[in-house]
Amino acid sequence: MTSPHVKTSEMTGAWIWIKERASALVLLPLMLWALVAGATLAGLDHAETLAWLAQPVNAMLVAVGILVGVYHLHLGLRAIIEDYLHGSTGKLVLMLNLLGCLALAGAGLAFVILIALAQAPAGA
């Protein structure tokens, strides 16, 4: 339900605010896991670290962390851009924000998949 006294832009801003908070809540346990994982990986050599990332649970958590983190980044930058840039400049920067975040998420996922598949045991 919408109120006739609330502008569409205000409702959109509130929805983005809610999505930012939701993504932050998802990131909290992922970042705690990342801290523990980083402490665990500190003593391992390169091959052992790659083998750790090839484990399905670890690869999935890293991938989810990348996706949610980049989504959170996109929302935060979008809010800043919409607040401070207007007109055609704002639209251009919003598009660059979207494209940059998509590229960042795609590259991160591609690297996780490539590392996980390269380290997978034969026949798996």
PDB file of N, CA and C in Angstrom:
ATOM      1  N   MET A   1       0.833  -1.174   0.000  1.00  0.00           N
ATOM      2  CA  MET A   1       0.000   0.000   0.000  1.00  0.00           C
ATOM      3  C   MET A   1       0.879   1.240   0.000  1.00  0.00           C
ATOM      4  N   THR A   2       0.465   2.204  -0.744  1.00  0.00           N
ATOM      5  CA  THR A   2       1.199   3.452  -0.772  1.00  0.00           C
ATOM      6  C   THR A   2       0.307   4.573  -0.286  1.00  0.00           C
ATOM      7  N   SER A   3       0.950   5.516   0.336  1.00  0.00           N
ATOM      8  CA  SER A   3       0.228   6.688   0.818  1.00  0.00           C
ATOM      9  C   SER A   3       0.243   7.743  -0.279  1.00  0.00           C
ATOM     10  N   PRO A   4      -0.859   8.484  -0.451  1.00  0.00           N
ATOM     11  CA  PRO A   4      -0.863   9.522  -1.481  1.00  0.00           C
ATOM     12  C   PRO A   4       0.076  10.675  -1.133  1.00  0.00           C
ATOM     13  N   HIS A   5       0.570  10.718   0.103  1.00  0.00           N
ATOM     14  CA  HIS A   5       1.443  11.806   0.535  1.00  0.00           C
ATOM     15  C   HIS A   5       2.928  11.457   0.410  1.00  0.00           C
ATOM     16  N   VAL A   6       3.227  10.230  -0.010  1.00  0.00           N
ATOM     17  CA  VAL A   6       4.615   9.797  -0.135  1.00  0.00           C
ATOM     18  C   VAL A   6       4.970   9.724  -1.608  1.00  0.00           C
ATOM     19  N   LYS A   7       6.050  10.423  -1.979  1.00  0.00           N
ATOM     20  CA  LYS A   7       6.496  10.404  -3.373  1.00  0.00           C
ATOM     21  C   LYS A   7       7.145   9.060  -3.690  1.00  0.00           C
ATOM     22  N   THR A   8       7.091   8.684  -4.963  1.00  0.00           N
ATOM     23  CA  THR A   8       7.687   7.420  -5.399  1.00  0.00           C
ATOM     24  C   THR A   8       9.173   7.394  -5.081  1.00  0.00           C
ATOM     25  N   SER A   9       9.865   8.516  -5.272  1.00  0.00           N
ATOM     26  CA  SER A   9      11.302   8.555  -5.000  1.00  0.00           C
ATOM     27  C   SER A   9      11.603   8.290  -3.527  1.00  0.00           C
ATOM     28  N   GLU A  10      10.729   8.721  -2.636  1.00  0.00           N
ATOM     29  CA  GLU A  10      10.924   8.461  -1.214  1.00  0.00           C
ATOM     30  C   GLU A  10      10.733   6.985  -0.903  1.00  0.00           C
ATOM     31  N   MET A  11       9.768   6.344  -1.541  1.00  0.00           N
ATOM     32  CA  MET A  11       9.545   4.909  -1.318  1.00  0.00           C
ATOM     33  C   MET A  11      10.720   4.113  -1.868  1.00  0.00           C
ATOM     34  N   THR A  12      11.242   4.508  -3.028  1.00  0.00           N
ATOM     35  CA  THR A  12      12.391   3.821  -3.607  1.00  0.00           C
ATOM     36  C   THR A  12      13.597   3.961  -2.696  1.00  0.00           C
ATOM     37  N   GLY A  13      13.810   5.154  -2.170  1.00  0.00           N
ATOM     38  CA  GLY A  13      14.923   5.376  -1.248  1.00  0.00           C
ATOM     39  C   GLY A  13      14.806   4.534   0.007  1.00  0.00           C
ATOM     40  N   ALA A  14      13.600   4.402   0.524  1.00  0.00           N
ATOM     41  CA  ALA A  14      13.390   3.568   1.710  1.00  0.00           C
ATOM     42  C   ALA A  14      13.655   2.102   1.393  1.00  0.00           C
ATOM     43  N   TRP A  15      13.251   1.659   0.221  1.00  0.00           N
ATOM     44  CA  TRP A  15      13.466   0.271  -0.171  1.00  0.00           C
ATOM     45  C   TRP A  15      14.951  -0.016  -0.330  1.00  0.00           C
ATOM     46  N   ILE A  16      15.699   0.926  -0.905  1.00  0.00           N
ATOM     47  CA  ILE A  16      17.152   0.754  -1.039  1.00  0.00           C
ATOM     48  C   ILE A  16      17.792   0.699   0.351  1.00  0.00           C
ATOM     49  N   TRP A  17      17.330   1.536   1.259  1.00  0.00           N
ATOM     50  CA  TRP A  17      17.841   1.539   2.621  1.00  0.00           C
ATOM     51  C   TRP A  17      17.624   0.166   3.267  1.00  0.00           C
ATOM     52  N   ILE A  18      16.446  -0.412   3.071  1.00  0.00           N
ATOM     53  CA  ILE A  18      16.142  -1.737   3.631  1.00  0.00           C
ATOM     54  C   ILE A  18      17.050  -2.797   3.005  1.00  0.00           C
ATOM     55  N   LYS A  19      17.261  -2.725   1.690  1.00  0.00           N
ATOM     56  CA  LYS A  19      18.132  -3.700   1.022  1.00  0.00           C
ATOM     57  C   LYS A  19      19.579  -3.562   1.486  1.00  0.00           C
ATOM     58  N   GLU A  20      20.033  -2.334   1.742  1.00  0.00           N
ATOM     59  CA  GLU A  20      21.384  -2.141   2.271  1.00  0.00           C
ATOM     60  C   GLU A  20      21.527  -2.810   3.630  1.00  0.00           C
ATOM     61  N   ARG A  21      20.537  -2.632   4.486  1.00  0.00           N
ATOM     62  CA  ARG A  21      20.595  -3.229   5.827  1.00  0.00           C
ATOM     63  C   ARG A  21      20.518  -4.751   5.754  1.00  0.00           C
ATOM     64  N   ALA A  22      19.682  -5.262   4.852  1.00  0.00           N
ATOM     65  CA  ALA A  22      19.563  -6.719   4.704  1.00  0.00           C
ATOM     66  C   ALA A  22      20.880  -7.316   4.207  1.00  0.00           C
ATOM     67  N   SER A  23      21.501  -6.668   3.237  1.00  0.00           N
ATOM     68  CA  SER A  23      22.775  -7.196   2.725  1.00  0.00           C
ATOM     69  C   SER A  23      23.856  -7.098   3.800  1.00  0.00           C
ATOM     70  N   ALA A  24      23.812  -6.053   4.615  1.00  0.00           N
ATOM     71  CA  ALA A  24      24.777  -5.942   5.711  1.00  0.00           C
ATOM     72  C   ALA A  24      24.585  -7.074   6.721  1.00  0.00           C
ATOM     73  N   LEU A  25      23.331  -7.439   6.993  1.00  0.00           N
ATOM     74  CA  LEU A  25      23.069  -8.549   7.915  1.00  0.00           C
ATOM     75  C   LEU A  25      23.574  -9.879   7.359  1.00  0.00           C
ATOM     76  N   VAL A  26      23.464 -10.062   6.050  1.00  0.00           N
ATOM     77  CA  VAL A  26      23.984 -11.281   5.428  1.00  0.00           C
ATOM     78  C   VAL A  26      25.510 -11.277   5.460  1.00  0.00           C
ATOM     79  N   LEU A  27      26.112 -10.099   5.300  1.00  0.00           N
ATOM     80  CA  LEU A  27      27.569 -10.004   5.289  1.00  0.00           C
ATOM     81  C   LEU A  27      28.201 -10.255   6.659  1.00  0.00           C
ATOM     82  N   LEU A  28      27.487  -9.971   7.740  1.00  0.00           N
ATOM     83  CA  LEU A  28      28.072 -10.148   9.076  1.00  0.00           C
ATOM     84  C   LEU A  28      28.588 -11.570   9.319  1.00  0.00           C
ATOM     85  N   PRO A  29      27.765 -12.606   9.185  1.00  0.00           N
ATOM     86  CA  PRO A  29      28.306 -13.953   9.420  1.00  0.00           C
ATOM     87  C   PRO A  29      29.339 -14.352   8.363  1.00  0.00           C
ATOM     88  N   LEU A  30      29.173 -13.854   7.138  1.00  0.00           N
ATOM     89  CA  LEU A  30      30.164 -14.171   6.107  1.00  0.00           C
ATOM     90  C   LEU A  30      31.525 -13.570   6.447  1.00  0.00           C
ATOM     91  N   MET A  31      31.539 -12.370   6.986  1.00  0.00           N
ATOM     92  CA  MET A  31      32.804 -11.742   7.347  1.00  0.00           C
ATOM     93  C   MET A  31      33.432 -12.410   8.567  1.00  0.00           C
ATOM     94  N   LEU A  32      32.609 -12.843   9.509  1.00  0.00           N
ATOM     95  CA  LEU A  32      33.142 -13.598  10.647  1.00  0.00           C
ATOM     96  C   LEU A  32      33.771 -14.898  10.164  1.00  0.00           C
ATOM     97  N   TRP A  33      33.093 -15.584   9.238  1.00  0.00           N
ATOM     98  CA  TRP A  33      33.651 -16.797   8.650  1.00  0.00           C
ATOM     99  C   TRP A  33      34.956 -16.481   7.925  1.00  0.00           C
ATOM    100  N   ALA A  34      34.995 -15.367   7.197  1.00  0.00           N
ATOM    101  CA  ALA A  34      36.199 -14.988   6.447  1.00  0.00           C
ATOM    102  C   ALA A  34      37.374 -14.722   7.392  1.00  0.00           C
ATOM    103  N   LEU A  35      37.101 -14.103   8.543  1.00  0.00           N
ATOM    104  CA  LEU A  35      38.169 -13.858   9.514  1.00  0.00           C
ATOM    105  C   LEU A  35      38.737 -15.170  10.054  1.00  0.00           C
ATOM    106  N   VAL A  36      37.854 -16.089  10.393  1.00  0.00           N
ATOM    107  CA  VAL A  36      38.300 -17.397  10.886  1.00  0.00           C
ATOM    108  C   VAL A  36      39.052 -18.139   9.783  1.00  0.00           C
ATOM    109  N   ALA A  37      38.518 -18.098   8.568  1.00  0.00           N
ATOM    110  CA  ALA A  37      39.179 -18.763   7.451  1.00  0.00           C
ATOM    111  C   ALA A  37      40.542 -18.145   7.177  1.00  0.00           C
ATOM    112  N   GLY A  38      40.627 -16.826   7.237  1.00  0.00           N
ATOM    113  CA  GLY A  38      41.909 -16.162   7.011  1.00  0.00           C
ATOM    114  C   GLY A  38      42.939 -16.554   8.052  1.00  0.00           C
ATOM    115  N   ALA A  39      42.516 -16.662   9.306  1.00  0.00           N
ATOM    116  CA  ALA A  39      43.432 -17.094  10.362  1.00  0.00           C
ATOM    117  C   ALA A  39      43.878 -18.537  10.133  1.00  0.00           C
ATOM    118  N   THR A  40      42.965 -19.368   9.644  1.00  0.00           N
ATOM    119  CA  THR A  40      43.293 -20.759   9.353  1.00  0.00           C
ATOM    120  C   THR A  40      44.269 -20.870   8.185  1.00  0.00           C
ATOM    121  N   LEU A  41      44.068 -20.045   7.177  1.00  0.00           N
ATOM    122  CA  LEU A  41      44.888 -20.109   5.970  1.00  0.00           C
ATOM    123  C   LEU A  41      46.250 -19.461   6.135  1.00  0.00           C
ATOM    124  N   ALA A  42      46.454 -18.706   7.197  1.00  0.00           N
ATOM    125  CA  ALA A  42      47.693 -17.942   7.365  1.00  0.00           C
ATOM    126  C   ALA A  42      48.931 -18.831   7.344  1.00  0.00           C
ATOM    127  N   GLY A  43      48.846 -20.026   7.865  1.00  0.00           N
ATOM    128  CA  GLY A  43      50.017 -20.892   7.926  1.00  0.00           C
ATOM    129  C   GLY A  43      50.162 -21.855   6.761  1.00  0.00           C
ATOM    130  N   LEU A  44      49.241 -21.823   5.826  1.00  0.00           N
ATOM    131  CA  LEU A  44      49.273 -22.777   4.720  1.00  0.00           C
ATOM    132  C   LEU A  44      50.076 -22.240   3.541  1.00  0.00           C
ATOM    133  N   ASP A  45      50.639 -23.152   2.752  1.00  0.00           N
ATOM    134  CA  ASP A  45      51.332 -22.715   1.545  1.00  0.00           C
ATOM    135  C   ASP A  45      50.318 -22.523   0.413  1.00  0.00           C
ATOM    136  N   HIS A  46      50.807 -22.128  -0.744  1.00  0.00           N
ATOM    137  CA  HIS A  46      49.941 -21.782  -1.874  1.00  0.00           C
ATOM    138  C   HIS A  46      49.075 -22.961  -2.312  1.00  0.00           C
ATOM    139  N   ALA A  47      49.654 -24.136  -2.450  1.00  0.00           N
ATOM    140  CA  ALA A  47      48.904 -25.314  -2.910  1.00  0.00           C
ATOM    141  C   ALA A  47      47.816 -25.698  -1.909  1.00  0.00           C
ATOM    142  N   GLU A  48      48.123 -25.624  -0.630  1.00  0.00           N
ATOM    143  CA  GLU A  48      47.135 -25.961   0.396  1.00  0.00           C
ATOM    144  C   GLU A  48      45.993 -24.940   0.412  1.00  0.00           C
ATOM    145  N   THR A  49      46.324 -23.685   0.170  1.00  0.00           N
ATOM    146  CA  THR A  49      45.293 -22.644   0.120  1.00  0.00           C
ATOM    147  C   THR A  49      44.369 -22.865  -1.073  1.00  0.00           C
ATOM    148  N   LEU A  50      44.940 -23.213  -2.216  1.00  0.00           N
ATOM    149  CA  LEU A  50      44.112 -23.496  -3.393  1.00  0.00           C
ATOM    150  C   LEU A  50      43.237 -24.724  -3.161  1.00  0.00           C
ATOM    151  N   ALA A  51      43.789 -25.733  -2.491  1.00  0.00           N
ATOM    152  CA  ALA A  51      42.998 -26.928  -2.178  1.00  0.00           C
ATOM    153  C   ALA A  51      41.861 -26.579  -1.226  1.00  0.00           C
ATOM    154  N   TRP A  52      42.109 -25.677  -0.289  1.00  0.00           N
ATOM    155  CA  TRP A  52      41.061 -25.234   0.634  1.00  0.00           C
ATOM    156  C   TRP A  52      39.936 -24.558  -0.138  1.00  0.00           C
ATOM    157  N   LEU A  53      40.283 -23.685  -1.087  1.00  0.00           N
ATOM    158  CA  LEU A  53      39.267 -22.980  -1.866  1.00  0.00           C
ATOM    159  C   LEU A  53      38.512 -23.932  -2.792  1.00  0.00           C
ATOM    160  N   ALA A  54      39.117 -25.036  -3.170  1.00  0.00           N
ATOM    161  CA  ALA A  54      38.447 -25.993  -4.054  1.00  0.00           C
ATOM    162  C   ALA A  54      37.368 -26.790  -3.330  1.00  0.00           C
ATOM    163  N   GLN A  55      37.373 -26.774  -2.009  1.00  0.00           N
ATOM    164  CA  GLN A  55      36.326 -27.471  -1.266  1.00  0.00           C
ATOM    165  C   GLN A  55      34.997 -26.757  -1.530  1.00  0.00           C
ATOM    166  N   PRO A  56      33.940 -27.507  -1.853  1.00  0.00           N
ATOM    167  CA  PRO A  56      32.673 -26.885  -2.275  1.00  0.00           C
ATOM    168  C   PRO A  56      32.085 -25.878  -1.284  1.00  0.00           C
ATOM    169  N   VAL A  57      32.117 -26.185  -0.005  1.00  0.00           N
ATOM    170  CA  VAL A  57      31.543 -25.262   0.981  1.00  0.00           C
ATOM    171  C   VAL A  57      32.328 -23.957   0.998  1.00  0.00           C
ATOM    172  N   ASN A  58      33.638 -24.054   0.992  1.00  0.00           N
ATOM    173  CA  ASN A  58      34.462 -22.846   1.025  1.00  0.00           C
ATOM    174  C   ASN A  58      34.282 -22.026  -0.252  1.00  0.00           C
ATOM    175  N   ALA A  59      34.286 -22.695  -1.400  1.00  0.00           N
ATOM    176  CA  ALA A  59      34.096 -21.981  -2.668  1.00  0.00           C
ATOM    177  C   ALA A  59      32.729 -21.298  -2.700  1.00  0.00           C
ATOM    178  N   MET A  60      31.713 -21.973  -2.200  1.00  0.00           N
ATOM    179  CA  MET A  60      30.368 -21.396  -2.203  1.00  0.00           C
ATOM    180  C   MET A  60      30.290 -20.186  -1.270  1.00  0.00           C
ATOM    181  N   LEU A  61      30.880 -20.283  -0.093  1.00  0.00           N
ATOM    182  CA  LEU A  61      30.840 -19.157   0.838  1.00  0.00           C
ATOM    183  C   LEU A  61      31.629 -17.960   0.303  1.00  0.00           C
ATOM    184  N   VAL A  62      32.757 -18.222  -0.342  1.00  0.00           N
ATOM    185  CA  VAL A  62      33.518 -17.127  -0.954  1.00  0.00           C
ATOM    186  C   VAL A  62      32.692 -16.483  -2.063  1.00  0.00           C
ATOM    187  N   ALA A  63      32.054 -17.304  -2.899  1.00  0.00           N
ATOM    188  CA  ALA A  63      31.243 -16.775  -3.999  1.00  0.00           C
ATOM    189  C   ALA A  63      30.063 -15.954  -3.477  1.00  0.00           C
ATOM    190  N   VAL A  64      29.383 -16.452  -2.461  1.00  0.00           N
ATOM    191  CA  VAL A  64      28.260 -15.710  -1.879  1.00  0.00           C
ATOM    192  C   VAL A  64      28.763 -14.410  -1.255  1.00  0.00           C
ATOM    193  N   GLY A  65      29.903 -14.469  -0.592  1.00  0.00           N
ATOM    194  CA  GLY A  65      30.486 -13.263  -0.012  1.00  0.00           C
ATOM    195  C   GLY A  65      30.805 -12.213  -1.064  1.00  0.00           C
ATOM    196  N   ILE A  66      31.344 -12.659  -2.198  1.00  0.00           N
ATOM    197  CA  ILE A  66      31.638 -11.738  -3.293  1.00  0.00           C
ATOM    198  C   ILE A  66      30.353 -11.116  -3.819  1.00  0.00           C
ATOM    199  N   LEU A  67      29.354 -11.945  -4.093  1.00  0.00           N
ATOM    200  CA  LEU A  67      28.103 -11.430  -4.649  1.00  0.00           C
ATOM    201  C   LEU A  67      27.404 -10.452  -3.708  1.00  0.00           C
ATOM    202  N   VAL A  68      27.273 -10.827  -2.452  1.00  0.00           N
ATOM    203  CA  VAL A  68      26.575  -9.959  -1.495  1.00  0.00           C
ATOM    204  C   VAL A  68      27.400  -8.697  -1.226  1.00  0.00           C
ATOM    205  N   GLY A  69      28.713  -8.841  -1.143  1.00  0.00           N
ATOM    206  CA  GLY A  69      29.565  -7.682  -0.914  1.00  0.00           C
ATOM    207  C   GLY A  69      29.504  -6.678  -2.053  1.00  0.00           C
ATOM    208  N   VAL A  70      29.538  -7.174  -3.283  1.00  0.00           N
ATOM    209  CA  VAL A  70      29.463  -6.270  -4.433  1.00  0.00           C
ATOM    210  C   VAL A  70      28.067  -5.652  -4.534  1.00  0.00           C
ATOM    211  N   TYR A  71      27.039  -6.419  -4.219  1.00  0.00           N
ATOM    212  CA  TYR A  71      25.682  -5.868  -4.219  1.00  0.00           C
ATOM    213  C   TYR A  71      25.562  -4.744  -3.186  1.00  0.00           C
ATOM    214  N   HIS A  72      26.114  -4.966  -2.007  1.00  0.00           N
ATOM    215  CA  HIS A  72      26.100  -3.957  -0.953  1.00  0.00           C
ATOM    216  C   HIS A  72      26.880  -2.709  -1.401  1.00  0.00           C
ATOM    217  N   LEU A  73      28.013  -2.929  -2.043  1.00  0.00           N
ATOM    218  CA  LEU A  73      28.799  -1.824  -2.596  1.00  0.00           C
ATOM    219  C   LEU A  73      27.980  -1.034  -3.606  1.00  0.00           C
ATOM    220  N   HIS A  74      27.314  -1.747  -4.503  1.00  0.00           N
ATOM    221  CA  HIS A  74      26.486  -1.097  -5.524  1.00  0.00           C
ATOM    222  C   HIS A  74      25.396  -0.233  -4.892  1.00  0.00           C
ATOM    223  N   LEU A  75      24.708  -0.771  -3.896  1.00  0.00           N
ATOM    224  CA  LEU A  75      23.637  -0.009  -3.238  1.00  0.00           C
ATOM    225  C   LEU A  75      24.171   1.231  -2.537  1.00  0.00           C
ATOM    226  N   GLY A  76      25.297   1.091  -1.850  1.00  0.00           N
ATOM    227  CA  GLY A  76      25.871   2.227  -1.146  1.00  0.00           C
ATOM    228  C   GLY A  76      26.327   3.328  -2.097  1.00  0.00           C
ATOM    229  N   LEU A  77      27.016   2.926  -3.169  1.00  0.00           N
ATOM    230  CA  LEU A  77      27.447   3.915  -4.154  1.00  0.00           C
ATOM    231  C   LEU A  77      26.259   4.563  -4.847  1.00  0.00           C
ATOM    232  N   ARG A  78      25.228   3.770  -5.104  1.00  0.00           N
ATOM    233  CA  ARG A  78      24.026   4.316  -5.741  1.00  0.00           C
ATOM    234  C   ARG A  78      23.396   5.408  -4.881  1.00  0.00           C
ATOM    235  N   ALA A  79      23.315   5.165  -3.580  1.00  0.00           N
ATOM    236  CA  ALA A  79      22.731   6.163  -2.681  1.00  0.00           C
ATOM    237  C   ALA A  79      23.555   7.450  -2.702  1.00  0.00           C
ATOM    238  N   ILE A  80      24.870   7.318  -2.685  1.00  0.00           N
ATOM    239  CA  ILE A  80      25.738   8.504  -2.721  1.00  0.00           C
ATOM    240  C   ILE A  80      25.576   9.241  -4.041  1.00  0.00           C
ATOM    241  N   ILE A  81      25.588   8.499  -5.141  1.00  0.00           N
ATOM    242  CA  ILE A  81      25.461   9.124  -6.466  1.00  0.00           C
ATOM    243  C   ILE A  81      24.122   9.848  -6.593  1.00  0.00           C
ATOM    244  N   GLU A  82      23.046   9.191  -6.180  1.00  0.00           N
ATOM    245  CA  GLU A  82      21.717   9.820  -6.284  1.00  0.00           C
ATOM    246  C   GLU A  82      21.597  11.056  -5.405  1.00  0.00           C
ATOM    247  N   ASP A  83      22.307  11.084  -4.281  1.00  0.00           N
ATOM    248  CA  ASP A  83      22.243  12.243  -3.389  1.00  0.00           C
ATOM    249  C   ASP A  83      23.030  13.436  -3.921  1.00  0.00           C
ATOM    250  N   TYR A  84      24.156  13.178  -4.593  1.00  0.00           N
ATOM    251  CA  TYR A  84      25.060  14.268  -4.913  1.00  0.00           C
ATOM    252  C   TYR A  84      25.205  14.587  -6.396  1.00  0.00           C
ATOM    253  N   LEU A  85      24.805  13.686  -7.285  1.00  0.00           N
ATOM    254  CA  LEU A  85      24.909  13.948  -8.723  1.00  0.00           C
ATOM    255  C   LEU A  85      23.520  13.917  -9.340  1.00  0.00           C
ATOM    256  N   HIS A  86      23.226  14.901 -10.152  1.00  0.00           N
ATOM    257  CA  HIS A  86      21.896  15.014 -10.735  1.00  0.00           C
ATOM    258  C   HIS A  86      22.008  15.178 -12.246  1.00  0.00           C
ATOM    259  N   GLY A  87      20.899  14.970 -12.924  1.00  0.00           N
ATOM    260  CA  GLY A  87      20.853  15.167 -14.371  1.00  0.00           C
ATOM    261  C   GLY A  87      21.580  14.069 -15.124  1.00  0.00           C
ATOM    262  N   SER A  88      22.105  14.420 -16.283  1.00  0.00           N
ATOM    263  CA  SER A  88      22.741  13.419 -17.138  1.00  0.00           C
ATOM    264  C   SER A  88      24.035  12.887 -16.533  1.00  0.00           C
ATOM    265  N   THR A  89      24.744  13.710 -15.766  1.00  0.00           N
ATOM    266  CA  THR A  89      25.962  13.230 -15.110  1.00  0.00           C
ATOM    267  C   THR A  89      25.625  12.136 -14.108  1.00  0.00           C
ATOM    268  N   GLY A  90      24.585  12.349 -13.326  1.00  0.00           N
ATOM    269  CA  GLY A  90      24.167  11.344 -12.354  1.00  0.00           C
ATOM    270  C   GLY A  90      23.763  10.038 -13.019  1.00  0.00           C
ATOM    271  N   LYS A  91      23.034  10.145 -14.127  1.00  0.00           N
ATOM    272  CA  LYS A  91      22.607   8.934 -14.842  1.00  0.00           C
ATOM    273  C   LYS A  91      23.805   8.176 -15.398  1.00  0.00           C
ATOM    274  N   LEU A  92      24.785   8.907 -15.925  1.00  0.00           N
ATOM    275  CA  LEU A  92      25.983   8.280 -16.473  1.00  0.00           C
ATOM    276  C   LEU A  92      26.763   7.568 -15.367  1.00  0.00           C
ATOM    277  N   VAL A  93      26.944   8.233 -14.249  1.00  0.00           N
ATOM    278  CA  VAL A  93      27.697   7.639 -13.148  1.00  0.00           C
ATOM    279  C   VAL A  93      26.940   6.453 -12.548  1.00  0.00           C
ATOM    280  N   LEU A  94      25.612   6.526 -12.500  1.00  0.00           N
ATOM    281  CA  LEU A  94      24.828   5.373 -12.044  1.00  0.00           C
ATOM    282  C   LEU A  94      25.038   4.170 -12.959  1.00  0.00           C
ATOM    283  N   MET A  95      25.072   4.419 -14.265  1.00  0.00           N
ATOM    284  CA  MET A  95      25.298   3.325 -15.211  1.00  0.00           C
ATOM    285  C   MET A  95      26.710   2.755 -15.053  1.00  0.00           C
ATOM    286  N   LEU A  96      27.695   3.647 -14.872  1.00  0.00           N
ATOM    287  CA  LEU A  96      29.069   3.173 -14.657  1.00  0.00           C
ATOM    288  C   LEU A  96      29.186   2.380 -13.359  1.00  0.00           C
ATOM    289  N   ASN A  97      28.462   2.795 -12.326  1.00  0.00           N
ATOM    290  CA  ASN A  97      28.431   2.062 -11.065  1.00  0.00           C
ATOM    291  C   ASN A  97      27.894   0.649 -11.287  1.00  0.00           C
ATOM    292  N   LEU A  98      26.784   0.560 -12.005  1.00  0.00           N
ATOM    293  CA  LEU A  98      26.183  -0.748 -12.274  1.00  0.00           C
ATOM    294  C   LEU A  98      27.135  -1.620 -13.082  1.00  0.00           C
ATOM    295  N   LEU A  99      27.692  -1.075 -14.161  1.00  0.00           N
ATOM    296  CA  LEU A  99      28.593  -1.854 -15.003  1.00  0.00           C
ATOM    297  C   LEU A  99      29.860  -2.268 -14.255  1.00  0.00           C
ATOM    298  N   GLY A 100      30.392  -1.359 -13.461  1.00  0.00           N
ATOM    299  CA  GLY A 100      31.585  -1.686 -12.684  1.00  0.00           C
ATOM    300  C   GLY A 100      31.323  -2.775 -11.661  1.00  0.00           C
ATOM    301  N   CYS A 101      30.192  -2.694 -10.983  1.00  0.00           N
ATOM    302  CA  CYS A 101      29.860  -3.719  -9.987  1.00  0.00           C
ATOM    303  C   CYS A 101      29.573  -5.068 -10.642  1.00  0.00           C
ATOM    304  N   LEU A 102      28.912  -5.047 -11.797  1.00  0.00           N
ATOM    305  CA  LEU A 102      28.689  -6.300 -12.529  1.00  0.00           C
ATOM    306  C   LEU A 102      30.016  -6.920 -12.963  1.00  0.00           C
ATOM    307  N   ALA A 103      30.927  -6.091 -13.447  1.00  0.00           N
ATOM    308  CA  ALA A 103      32.240  -6.593 -13.867  1.00  0.00           C
ATOM    309  C   ALA A 103      33.010  -7.152 -12.678  1.00  0.00           C
ATOM    310  N   LEU A 104      32.964  -6.459 -11.549  1.00  0.00           N
ATOM    311  CA  LEU A 104      33.654  -6.912 -10.347  1.00  0.00           C
ATOM    312  C   LEU A 104      33.084  -8.241  -9.853  1.00  0.00           C
ATOM    313  N   ALA A 105      31.769  -8.353  -9.816  1.00  0.00           N
ATOM    314  CA  ALA A 105      31.132  -9.603  -9.378  1.00  0.00           C
ATOM    315  C   ALA A 105      31.437 -10.735 -10.354  1.00  0.00           C
ATOM    316  N   GLY A 106      31.364 -10.446 -11.646  1.00  0.00           N
ATOM    317  CA  GLY A 106      31.652 -11.471 -12.645  1.00  0.00           C
ATOM    318  C   GLY A 106      33.088 -11.958 -12.571  1.00  0.00           C
ATOM    319  N   ALA A 107      34.032 -11.038 -12.425  1.00  0.00           N
ATOM    320  CA  ALA A 107      35.441 -11.427 -12.331  1.00  0.00           C
ATOM    321  C   ALA A 107      35.689 -12.238 -11.061  1.00  0.00           C
ATOM    322  N   GLY A 108      35.120 -11.805  -9.945  1.00  0.00           N
ATOM    323  CA  GLY A 108      35.301 -12.545  -8.695  1.00  0.00           C
ATOM    324  C   GLY A 108      34.757 -13.954  -8.777  1.00  0.00           C
ATOM    325  N   LEU A 109      33.553 -14.092  -9.322  1.00  0.00           N
ATOM    326  CA  LEU A 109      32.971 -15.431  -9.479  1.00  0.00           C
ATOM    327  C   LEU A 109      33.770 -16.281 -10.451  1.00  0.00           C
ATOM    328  N   ALA A 110      34.220 -15.676 -11.539  1.00  0.00           N
ATOM    329  CA  ALA A 110      35.005 -16.423 -12.521  1.00  0.00           C
ATOM    330  C   ALA A 110      36.280 -16.970 -11.884  1.00  0.00           C
ATOM    331  N   PHE A 111      36.957 -16.164 -11.072  1.00  0.00           N
ATOM    332  CA  PHE A 111      38.181 -16.629 -10.430  1.00  0.00           C
ATOM    333  C   PHE A 111      37.910 -17.735  -9.423  1.00  0.00           C
ATOM    334  N   VAL A 112      36.839 -17.604  -8.655  1.00  0.00           N
ATOM    335  CA  VAL A 112      36.504 -18.660  -7.694  1.00  0.00           C
ATOM    336  C   VAL A 112      36.200 -19.962  -8.435  1.00  0.00           C
ATOM    337  N   ILE A 113      35.427 -19.886  -9.505  1.00  0.00           N
ATOM    338  CA  ILE A 113      35.081 -21.087 -10.274  1.00  0.00           C
ATOM    339  C   ILE A 113      36.319 -21.692 -10.922  1.00  0.00           C
ATOM    340  N   LEU A 114      37.157 -20.859 -11.514  1.00  0.00           N
ATOM    341  CA  LEU A 114      38.371 -21.375 -12.152  1.00  0.00           C
ATOM    342  C   LEU A 114      39.287 -22.048 -11.157  1.00  0.00           C
ATOM    343  N   ILE A 115      39.481 -21.442 -10.000  1.00  0.00           N
ATOM    344  CA  ILE A 115      40.346 -22.040  -8.984  1.00  0.00           C
ATOM    345  C   ILE A 115      39.730 -23.328  -8.459  1.00  0.00           C
ATOM    346  N   ALA A 116      38.438 -23.316  -8.190  1.00  0.00           N
ATOM    347  CA  ALA A 116      37.771 -24.511  -7.653  1.00  0.00           C
ATOM    348  C   ALA A 116      37.828 -25.658  -8.659  1.00  0.00           C
ATOM    349  N   LEU A 117      37.590 -25.363  -9.938  1.00  0.00           N
ATOM    350  CA  LEU A 117      37.621 -26.431 -10.948  1.00  0.00           C
ATOM    351  C   LEU A 117      39.026 -26.915 -11.231  1.00  0.00           C
ATOM    352  N   ALA A 118      39.997 -26.025 -11.190  1.00  0.00           N
ATOM    353  CA  ALA A 118      41.387 -26.422 -11.449  1.00  0.00           C
ATOM    354  C   ALA A 118      41.917 -27.316 -10.346  1.00  0.00           C
ATOM    355  N   GLN A 119      41.409 -27.154  -9.134  1.00  0.00           N
ATOM    356  CA  GLN A 119      41.895 -27.932  -7.998  1.00  0.00           C
ATOM    357  C   GLN A 119      41.051 -29.173  -7.718  1.00  0.00           C
ATOM    358  N   ALA A 120      39.946 -29.320  -8.454  1.00  0.00           N
ATOM    359  CA  ALA A 120      39.062 -30.467  -8.215  1.00  0.00           C
ATOM    360  C   ALA A 120      39.791 -31.764  -8.570  1.00  0.00           C
ATOM    361  N   PRO A 121      39.611 -32.794  -7.749  1.00  0.00           N
ATOM    362  CA  PRO A 121      40.256 -34.066  -8.052  1.00  0.00           C
ATOM    363  C   PRO A 121      39.704 -34.671  -9.344  1.00  0.00           C
ATOM    364  N   ALA A 122      40.527 -35.449 -10.037  1.00  0.00           N
ATOM    365  CA  ALA A 122      40.118 -36.072 -11.296  1.00  0.00           C
ATOM    366  C   ALA A 122      38.944 -37.004 -11.053  1.00  0.00           C
ATOM    367  N   GLY A 123      37.975 -36.942 -11.959  1.00  0.00           N
ATOM    368  CA  GLY A 123      36.799 -37.799 -11.851  1.00  0.00           C
ATOM    369  C   GLY A 123      35.708 -37.224 -10.969  1.00  0.00           C
ATOM    370  N   ALA A 124      35.928 -36.057 -10.417  1.00  0.00           N
ATOM    371  CA  ALA A 124      34.914 -35.466  -9.538  1.00  0.00           C
ATOM    372  C   ALA A 124      33.978 -34.574 -10.325  1.00  0.00           C
TER     373      ALA A 124
END
